[in-house]
N, C-alpha and C. Protein backbone atom coordinates (compact mmCIF):
# COMPACT_ATOMS: atom_id res chain seq x y z
N MET A 1 225.20 -217.06 136.84
CA MET A 1 224.24 -217.07 135.75
C MET A 1 222.98 -216.27 136.12
N LYS A 2 222.57 -216.40 137.39
CA LYS A 2 221.37 -215.70 137.84
C LYS A 2 221.57 -214.18 137.75
N ALA A 3 222.77 -213.72 138.12
CA ALA A 3 223.06 -212.29 138.04
C ALA A 3 223.07 -211.82 136.58
N PHE A 4 223.57 -212.66 135.69
CA PHE A 4 223.59 -212.32 134.26
C PHE A 4 222.17 -212.13 133.74
N VAL A 5 221.29 -213.06 134.07
CA VAL A 5 219.90 -212.97 133.62
C VAL A 5 219.21 -211.76 134.25
N LYS A 6 219.51 -211.49 135.51
CA LYS A 6 218.90 -210.33 136.18
C LYS A 6 219.35 -209.02 135.54
N THR A 7 220.62 -208.96 135.16
CA THR A 7 221.16 -207.74 134.56
C THR A 7 220.72 -207.57 133.11
N TYR A 8 220.72 -208.65 132.34
CA TYR A 8 220.49 -208.57 130.90
C TYR A 8 219.16 -209.16 130.48
N TRP A 9 218.14 -209.07 131.32
CA TRP A 9 216.87 -209.70 131.01
C TRP A 9 216.23 -209.14 129.75
N LEU A 10 216.34 -207.84 129.52
CA LEU A 10 215.71 -207.23 128.34
C LEU A 10 216.42 -207.70 127.06
N GLU A 11 217.74 -207.73 127.09
CA GLU A 11 218.50 -208.19 125.92
C GLU A 11 218.22 -209.67 125.65
N LEU A 12 218.10 -210.47 126.72
CA LEU A 12 217.78 -211.89 126.55
C LEU A 12 216.37 -212.07 125.98
N LEU A 13 215.45 -211.19 126.37
CA LEU A 13 214.09 -211.24 125.82
C LEU A 13 214.11 -210.94 124.32
N PHE A 14 214.84 -209.88 123.92
CA PHE A 14 214.95 -209.57 122.49
C PHE A 14 215.65 -210.69 121.73
N PHE A 15 216.67 -211.29 122.34
CA PHE A 15 217.34 -212.44 121.73
C PHE A 15 216.36 -213.58 121.52
N ALA A 16 215.56 -213.86 122.55
CA ALA A 16 214.58 -214.95 122.46
C ALA A 16 213.55 -214.69 121.36
N VAL A 17 213.09 -213.44 121.26
CA VAL A 17 212.13 -213.10 120.20
C VAL A 17 212.74 -213.35 118.83
N GLY A 18 213.98 -212.90 118.61
CA GLY A 18 214.64 -213.11 117.33
C GLY A 18 214.91 -214.58 117.05
N PHE A 19 215.35 -215.29 118.08
CA PHE A 19 215.67 -216.72 117.90
C PHE A 19 214.41 -217.54 117.63
N VAL A 20 213.36 -217.30 118.43
CA VAL A 20 212.10 -218.03 118.23
C VAL A 20 211.50 -217.68 116.87
N GLY A 21 211.60 -216.41 116.47
CA GLY A 21 211.12 -216.01 115.14
C GLY A 21 211.85 -216.75 114.04
N ALA A 22 213.16 -216.90 114.18
CA ALA A 22 213.95 -217.64 113.18
C ALA A 22 213.56 -219.11 113.16
N VAL A 23 213.36 -219.69 114.33
CA VAL A 23 212.97 -221.11 114.41
C VAL A 23 211.61 -221.32 113.76
N LEU A 24 210.65 -220.44 114.05
CA LEU A 24 209.31 -220.57 113.49
C LEU A 24 209.29 -220.35 111.98
N ALA A 25 210.15 -219.46 111.49
CA ALA A 25 210.17 -219.15 110.06
C ALA A 25 210.96 -220.18 109.25
N MET A 26 211.85 -220.92 109.87
CA MET A 26 212.76 -221.81 109.16
C MET A 26 212.06 -222.77 108.19
N PRO A 27 210.98 -223.44 108.56
CA PRO A 27 210.35 -224.37 107.61
C PRO A 27 209.75 -223.67 106.38
N PHE A 28 209.47 -222.39 106.49
CA PHE A 28 208.82 -221.67 105.40
C PHE A 28 209.78 -220.86 104.54
N LEU A 29 211.06 -220.91 104.86
CA LEU A 29 212.05 -220.14 104.12
C LEU A 29 212.62 -220.94 102.95
N PRO A 30 212.98 -220.25 101.88
CA PRO A 30 213.71 -220.94 100.81
C PRO A 30 215.11 -221.31 101.30
N ARG A 31 215.80 -222.13 100.54
CA ARG A 31 217.15 -222.56 100.94
C ARG A 31 218.12 -221.38 101.05
N SER A 32 217.86 -220.33 100.31
CA SER A 32 218.74 -219.17 100.28
C SER A 32 217.94 -217.94 100.70
N ILE A 33 218.51 -217.16 101.63
CA ILE A 33 217.85 -215.94 102.09
C ILE A 33 218.71 -214.73 101.73
N PRO A 34 218.11 -213.56 101.63
CA PRO A 34 218.88 -212.36 101.31
C PRO A 34 219.79 -211.96 102.46
N LEU A 35 221.00 -211.56 102.12
CA LEU A 35 221.95 -211.11 103.13
C LEU A 35 222.37 -209.66 102.93
N GLN A 36 222.29 -209.19 101.69
CA GLN A 36 222.72 -207.82 101.40
C GLN A 36 221.72 -207.20 100.44
N PHE A 37 221.42 -205.93 100.70
CA PHE A 37 220.44 -205.21 99.90
C PHE A 37 221.04 -203.92 99.37
N GLN A 38 220.50 -203.46 98.26
CA GLN A 38 220.77 -202.09 97.82
C GLN A 38 219.74 -201.19 98.50
N GLY A 39 219.90 -199.89 98.38
CA GLY A 39 219.01 -198.94 99.04
C GLY A 39 217.55 -199.10 98.65
N ASP A 40 217.28 -199.53 97.42
CA ASP A 40 215.90 -199.66 96.97
C ASP A 40 215.28 -201.01 97.33
N GLY A 41 216.02 -201.87 98.04
CA GLY A 41 215.50 -203.17 98.44
C GLY A 41 215.89 -204.30 97.53
N THR A 42 216.63 -204.02 96.46
CA THR A 42 217.10 -205.07 95.56
C THR A 42 218.11 -205.94 96.29
N ILE A 43 217.94 -207.24 96.19
CA ILE A 43 218.84 -208.19 96.86
C ILE A 43 220.11 -208.32 96.02
N THR A 44 221.26 -208.11 96.65
CA THR A 44 222.54 -208.21 95.93
C THR A 44 223.35 -209.43 96.35
N ARG A 45 223.01 -210.03 97.48
CA ARG A 45 223.74 -211.21 97.94
C ARG A 45 222.82 -212.08 98.77
N THR A 46 222.94 -213.38 98.60
CA THR A 46 222.14 -214.32 99.38
C THR A 46 223.07 -215.30 100.10
N GLY A 47 222.49 -216.04 101.03
CA GLY A 47 223.25 -217.03 101.78
C GLY A 47 222.33 -218.10 102.31
N PRO A 48 222.88 -219.10 102.97
CA PRO A 48 222.05 -220.19 103.51
C PRO A 48 221.10 -219.69 104.60
N ARG A 49 219.97 -220.33 104.71
CA ARG A 49 218.95 -219.84 105.63
C ARG A 49 219.35 -219.95 107.10
N TRP A 50 220.30 -220.80 107.45
CA TRP A 50 220.73 -220.89 108.84
C TRP A 50 221.39 -219.59 109.32
N MET A 51 221.82 -218.76 108.39
CA MET A 51 222.46 -217.50 108.77
C MET A 51 221.48 -216.54 109.44
N LEU A 52 220.19 -216.80 109.33
CA LEU A 52 219.19 -215.98 110.01
C LEU A 52 219.40 -216.02 111.52
N PHE A 53 219.94 -217.12 112.04
CA PHE A 53 220.20 -217.25 113.47
C PHE A 53 221.36 -216.36 113.93
N LEU A 54 222.15 -215.86 113.00
CA LEU A 54 223.26 -214.99 113.37
C LEU A 54 222.78 -213.62 113.86
N ILE A 55 221.64 -213.17 113.36
CA ILE A 55 221.15 -211.84 113.75
C ILE A 55 220.87 -211.77 115.25
N PRO A 56 220.11 -212.71 115.85
CA PRO A 56 219.90 -212.63 117.30
C PRO A 56 221.20 -212.85 118.09
N LEU A 57 222.08 -213.68 117.57
CA LEU A 57 223.35 -213.91 118.26
C LEU A 57 224.21 -212.65 118.26
N VAL A 58 224.30 -211.97 117.13
CA VAL A 58 225.05 -210.71 117.04
C VAL A 58 224.42 -209.68 117.96
N GLN A 59 223.11 -209.64 118.01
CA GLN A 59 222.41 -208.70 118.88
C GLN A 59 222.79 -208.92 120.34
N LEU A 60 222.82 -210.16 120.79
CA LEU A 60 223.13 -210.46 122.18
C LEU A 60 224.58 -210.08 122.51
N VAL A 61 225.51 -210.45 121.65
CA VAL A 61 226.92 -210.14 121.88
C VAL A 61 227.15 -208.62 121.84
N ALA A 62 226.55 -207.94 120.88
CA ALA A 62 226.72 -206.48 120.76
C ALA A 62 226.13 -205.77 121.97
N CYS A 63 224.99 -206.22 122.46
CA CYS A 63 224.38 -205.59 123.63
C CYS A 63 225.24 -205.78 124.87
N TYR A 64 225.80 -206.95 125.04
CA TYR A 64 226.71 -207.18 126.16
C TYR A 64 227.93 -206.27 126.04
N GLY A 65 228.46 -206.13 124.83
CA GLY A 65 229.59 -205.23 124.59
C GLY A 65 229.25 -203.79 124.89
N PHE A 66 228.04 -203.35 124.52
CA PHE A 66 227.59 -201.99 124.83
C PHE A 66 227.55 -201.77 126.34
N HIS A 67 226.98 -202.72 127.07
CA HIS A 67 226.91 -202.58 128.52
C HIS A 67 228.30 -202.41 129.12
N TRP A 68 229.21 -203.24 128.68
CA TRP A 68 230.58 -203.18 129.21
C TRP A 68 231.22 -201.84 128.86
N TRP A 69 231.12 -201.42 127.59
CA TRP A 69 231.76 -200.19 127.13
C TRP A 69 231.19 -198.96 127.83
N ILE A 70 229.89 -198.88 127.93
CA ILE A 70 229.27 -197.73 128.58
C ILE A 70 229.62 -197.70 130.06
N GLY A 71 229.66 -198.86 130.69
CA GLY A 71 230.07 -198.93 132.09
C GLY A 71 231.49 -198.41 132.28
N GLN A 72 232.38 -198.78 131.38
CA GLN A 72 233.76 -198.30 131.44
C GLN A 72 233.81 -196.78 131.26
N CYS A 73 233.04 -196.27 130.33
CA CYS A 73 233.02 -194.81 130.09
C CYS A 73 232.50 -194.07 131.31
N LEU A 74 231.46 -194.58 131.94
CA LEU A 74 230.90 -193.90 133.10
C LEU A 74 231.84 -193.97 134.30
N GLU A 75 232.66 -195.03 134.40
CA GLU A 75 233.65 -195.09 135.47
C GLU A 75 234.76 -194.06 135.25
N LYS A 76 235.15 -193.85 133.99
CA LYS A 76 236.22 -192.91 133.69
C LYS A 76 235.75 -191.46 133.74
N LEU A 77 234.47 -191.23 133.52
CA LEU A 77 233.90 -189.88 133.54
C LEU A 77 232.76 -189.82 134.56
N PRO A 78 233.08 -189.90 135.85
CA PRO A 78 232.01 -189.97 136.86
C PRO A 78 231.13 -188.73 136.91
N ALA A 79 231.61 -187.60 136.42
CA ALA A 79 230.79 -186.39 136.42
C ALA A 79 229.58 -186.53 135.51
N LEU A 80 229.70 -187.37 134.48
CA LEU A 80 228.59 -187.58 133.55
C LEU A 80 227.59 -188.62 134.04
N ALA A 81 227.95 -189.36 135.07
CA ALA A 81 227.11 -190.46 135.53
C ALA A 81 225.68 -190.06 135.88
N PRO A 82 225.45 -188.93 136.59
CA PRO A 82 224.05 -188.58 136.88
C PRO A 82 223.21 -188.33 135.63
N THR A 83 223.84 -187.77 134.60
CA THR A 83 223.11 -187.45 133.38
C THR A 83 222.97 -188.66 132.47
N LEU A 84 224.03 -189.47 132.39
CA LEU A 84 224.03 -190.57 131.42
C LEU A 84 223.72 -191.93 132.04
N SER A 85 223.48 -192.00 133.34
CA SER A 85 223.14 -193.30 133.90
C SER A 85 221.81 -193.75 133.31
N GLY A 86 221.74 -194.97 132.95
CA GLY A 86 220.57 -195.52 132.27
C GLY A 86 220.80 -195.69 130.79
N VAL A 87 221.82 -195.03 130.25
CA VAL A 87 222.13 -195.19 128.82
C VAL A 87 222.57 -196.62 128.54
N GLU A 88 223.21 -197.24 129.53
CA GLU A 88 223.64 -198.63 129.33
C GLU A 88 222.45 -199.56 129.15
N ARG A 89 221.26 -199.12 129.53
CA ARG A 89 220.04 -199.90 129.30
C ARG A 89 219.37 -199.48 127.99
N LEU A 90 219.45 -198.19 127.68
CA LEU A 90 218.75 -197.64 126.52
C LEU A 90 219.39 -198.06 125.20
N LEU A 91 220.70 -197.85 125.05
CA LEU A 91 221.35 -198.12 123.78
C LEU A 91 221.27 -199.59 123.35
N PRO A 92 221.50 -200.55 124.25
CA PRO A 92 221.34 -201.94 123.82
C PRO A 92 219.90 -202.28 123.40
N ALA A 93 218.92 -201.67 124.06
CA ALA A 93 217.53 -201.93 123.68
C ALA A 93 217.25 -201.37 122.28
N VAL A 94 217.76 -200.18 121.99
CA VAL A 94 217.58 -199.58 120.67
C VAL A 94 218.28 -200.44 119.61
N LEU A 95 219.50 -200.87 119.91
CA LEU A 95 220.24 -201.75 118.98
C LEU A 95 219.47 -203.04 118.73
N SER A 96 218.91 -203.60 119.78
CA SER A 96 218.13 -204.84 119.64
C SER A 96 216.92 -204.64 118.73
N ILE A 97 216.24 -203.53 118.88
CA ILE A 97 215.07 -203.26 118.04
C ILE A 97 215.49 -203.09 116.59
N ILE A 98 216.62 -202.41 116.35
CA ILE A 98 217.12 -202.25 114.99
C ILE A 98 217.44 -203.61 114.36
N LEU A 99 218.10 -204.47 115.11
CA LEU A 99 218.46 -205.78 114.56
C LEU A 99 217.24 -206.68 114.38
N LEU A 100 216.25 -206.56 115.26
CA LEU A 100 215.02 -207.33 115.06
C LEU A 100 214.27 -206.86 113.81
N SER A 101 214.28 -205.57 113.55
CA SER A 101 213.63 -205.09 112.32
C SER A 101 214.41 -205.54 111.09
N LEU A 102 215.73 -205.62 111.21
CA LEU A 102 216.53 -206.16 110.11
C LEU A 102 216.18 -207.62 109.85
N GLU A 103 216.01 -208.38 110.91
CA GLU A 103 215.61 -209.78 110.75
C GLU A 103 214.25 -209.88 110.07
N LEU A 104 213.33 -209.01 110.45
CA LEU A 104 212.01 -209.00 109.82
C LEU A 104 212.13 -208.64 108.34
N CYS A 105 212.99 -207.68 107.99
CA CYS A 105 213.19 -207.31 106.58
C CYS A 105 213.75 -208.49 105.79
N VAL A 106 214.69 -209.22 106.39
CA VAL A 106 215.26 -210.39 105.72
C VAL A 106 214.18 -211.44 105.49
N LEU A 107 213.36 -211.69 106.51
CA LEU A 107 212.28 -212.67 106.36
C LEU A 107 211.29 -212.26 105.27
N LEU A 108 210.88 -211.01 105.28
CA LEU A 108 209.93 -210.55 104.26
C LEU A 108 210.53 -210.64 102.86
N ALA A 109 211.78 -210.25 102.72
CA ALA A 109 212.44 -210.33 101.40
C ALA A 109 212.59 -211.78 100.96
N ALA A 110 212.84 -212.69 101.89
CA ALA A 110 212.95 -214.11 101.54
C ALA A 110 211.62 -214.65 101.04
N TRP A 111 210.53 -214.08 101.52
CA TRP A 111 209.21 -214.52 101.09
C TRP A 111 208.69 -213.72 99.90
N GLY A 112 209.54 -212.87 99.33
CA GLY A 112 209.18 -212.17 98.10
C GLY A 112 208.54 -210.81 98.29
N VAL A 113 208.49 -210.31 99.51
CA VAL A 113 207.93 -208.99 99.76
C VAL A 113 209.06 -207.97 99.62
N THR A 114 208.90 -207.02 98.72
CA THR A 114 209.93 -206.01 98.52
C THR A 114 209.93 -205.04 99.68
N VAL A 115 211.08 -204.92 100.31
CA VAL A 115 211.23 -204.06 101.47
C VAL A 115 212.33 -203.05 101.19
N PRO A 116 212.04 -201.76 101.29
CA PRO A 116 213.12 -200.77 101.13
C PRO A 116 213.98 -200.71 102.40
N VAL A 117 214.91 -201.66 102.52
CA VAL A 117 215.71 -201.81 103.73
C VAL A 117 216.47 -200.52 104.04
N GLY A 118 216.98 -199.87 103.00
CA GLY A 118 217.70 -198.62 103.22
C GLY A 118 216.83 -197.58 103.91
N THR A 119 215.59 -197.49 103.51
CA THR A 119 214.66 -196.54 104.12
C THR A 119 214.35 -196.93 105.56
N VAL A 120 214.14 -198.21 105.80
CA VAL A 120 213.87 -198.69 107.15
C VAL A 120 215.04 -198.35 108.07
N MET A 121 216.25 -198.67 107.61
CA MET A 121 217.44 -198.40 108.43
C MET A 121 217.66 -196.89 108.63
N LEU A 122 217.41 -196.11 107.60
CA LEU A 122 217.57 -194.65 107.71
C LEU A 122 216.62 -194.08 108.75
N ILE A 123 215.38 -194.51 108.71
CA ILE A 123 214.40 -194.03 109.68
C ILE A 123 214.84 -194.42 111.10
N GLU A 124 215.28 -195.67 111.26
CA GLU A 124 215.71 -196.10 112.58
C GLU A 124 216.95 -195.35 113.04
N LEU A 125 217.90 -195.14 112.14
CA LEU A 125 219.11 -194.44 112.53
C LEU A 125 218.87 -192.96 112.80
N LEU A 126 217.82 -192.39 112.23
CA LEU A 126 217.45 -191.02 112.56
C LEU A 126 216.72 -190.96 113.90
N LEU A 127 215.99 -192.02 114.21
CA LEU A 127 215.26 -192.04 115.47
C LEU A 127 216.17 -192.29 116.67
N VAL A 128 217.26 -193.02 116.48
CA VAL A 128 218.16 -193.33 117.59
C VAL A 128 218.69 -192.06 118.25
N PRO A 129 219.24 -191.11 117.49
CA PRO A 129 219.71 -189.88 118.17
C PRO A 129 218.57 -189.12 118.85
N LEU A 130 217.39 -189.14 118.26
CA LEU A 130 216.27 -188.45 118.89
C LEU A 130 215.91 -189.09 120.23
N VAL A 131 215.89 -190.42 120.27
CA VAL A 131 215.61 -191.12 121.52
C VAL A 131 216.69 -190.81 122.55
N PHE A 132 217.94 -190.85 122.11
CA PHE A 132 219.05 -190.57 123.02
C PHE A 132 218.99 -189.14 123.55
N VAL A 133 218.79 -188.17 122.68
CA VAL A 133 218.71 -186.78 123.10
C VAL A 133 217.52 -186.57 124.04
N GLY A 134 216.39 -187.19 123.72
CA GLY A 134 215.23 -187.09 124.60
C GLY A 134 215.49 -187.69 125.96
N PHE A 135 216.16 -188.82 125.98
CA PHE A 135 216.50 -189.48 127.24
C PHE A 135 217.40 -188.59 128.09
N VAL A 136 218.45 -188.06 127.48
CA VAL A 136 219.39 -187.19 128.20
C VAL A 136 218.69 -185.90 128.64
N ALA A 137 217.83 -185.34 127.79
CA ALA A 137 217.11 -184.11 128.15
C ALA A 137 216.23 -184.34 129.37
N VAL A 138 215.55 -185.46 129.44
CA VAL A 138 214.70 -185.76 130.60
C VAL A 138 215.56 -185.87 131.86
N LYS A 139 216.72 -186.52 131.73
CA LYS A 139 217.61 -186.65 132.89
C LYS A 139 218.10 -185.28 133.35
N ILE A 140 218.47 -184.42 132.41
CA ILE A 140 218.96 -183.08 132.76
C ILE A 140 217.85 -182.28 133.43
N ILE A 141 216.65 -182.34 132.89
CA ILE A 141 215.53 -181.60 133.48
C ILE A 141 215.25 -182.11 134.89
N ARG A 142 215.32 -183.42 135.10
CA ARG A 142 215.12 -183.96 136.46
C ARG A 142 216.21 -183.48 137.40
N ASN A 143 217.46 -183.48 136.92
CA ASN A 143 218.57 -183.02 137.76
C ASN A 143 218.41 -181.55 138.12
N ILE A 144 217.98 -180.74 137.17
CA ILE A 144 217.75 -179.31 137.43
C ILE A 144 216.62 -179.15 138.45
N GLY A 145 215.57 -179.94 138.28
CA GLY A 145 214.46 -179.89 139.23
C GLY A 145 214.88 -180.30 140.61
N ASN A 146 215.73 -181.31 140.71
CA ASN A 146 216.22 -181.74 142.03
C ASN A 146 217.13 -180.70 142.66
N LEU A 147 217.90 -179.98 141.83
CA LEU A 147 218.74 -178.91 142.36
C LEU A 147 217.88 -177.79 142.92
N GLY A 148 216.80 -177.46 142.21
CA GLY A 148 215.90 -176.40 142.67
C GLY A 148 215.22 -176.75 143.97
N LYS A 149 214.86 -178.00 144.16
CA LYS A 149 214.22 -178.45 145.41
C LYS A 149 215.21 -178.44 146.56
N GLY A 150 216.48 -178.75 146.25
CA GLY A 150 217.50 -178.77 147.30
C GLY A 150 217.84 -177.41 147.82
N ASN A 151 217.66 -176.35 147.03
CA ASN A 151 218.00 -174.99 147.44
C ASN A 151 216.91 -174.35 148.29
N GLN A 152 215.73 -174.94 148.33
CA GLN A 152 214.62 -174.33 149.07
C GLN A 152 214.65 -174.71 150.53
């Protein structure tokens, strides 16, 4: 268990933020919360408020799955490991932030604040590739710099 916490401390922190947020919001939520939105923020489906706890749970399970999958990919493609090492930390963190913002959108919509969820998700999904490309570019530049120092 100690190794699990040491490895996944960031994901557990995001899980705790989402879970504590759901616990704190629970007394102030209506019996039914929004579950599905149209692009303009119109609520198309609702469900019981306990379903808010599913968002942090999905986040934790998905992040663990990402770690496992990326680790498997890096084992099968060891040539990419110097460039892509650290992605197993980056992608789960980005996913966690996306799901936490989704939880916030659900809470705001439950309290009657109109949120253009489609726009929020679009902005986040456009930022994810930029973060990933930036991360990989920094790694490549560092590797090139280390190669140049080794030749001198």
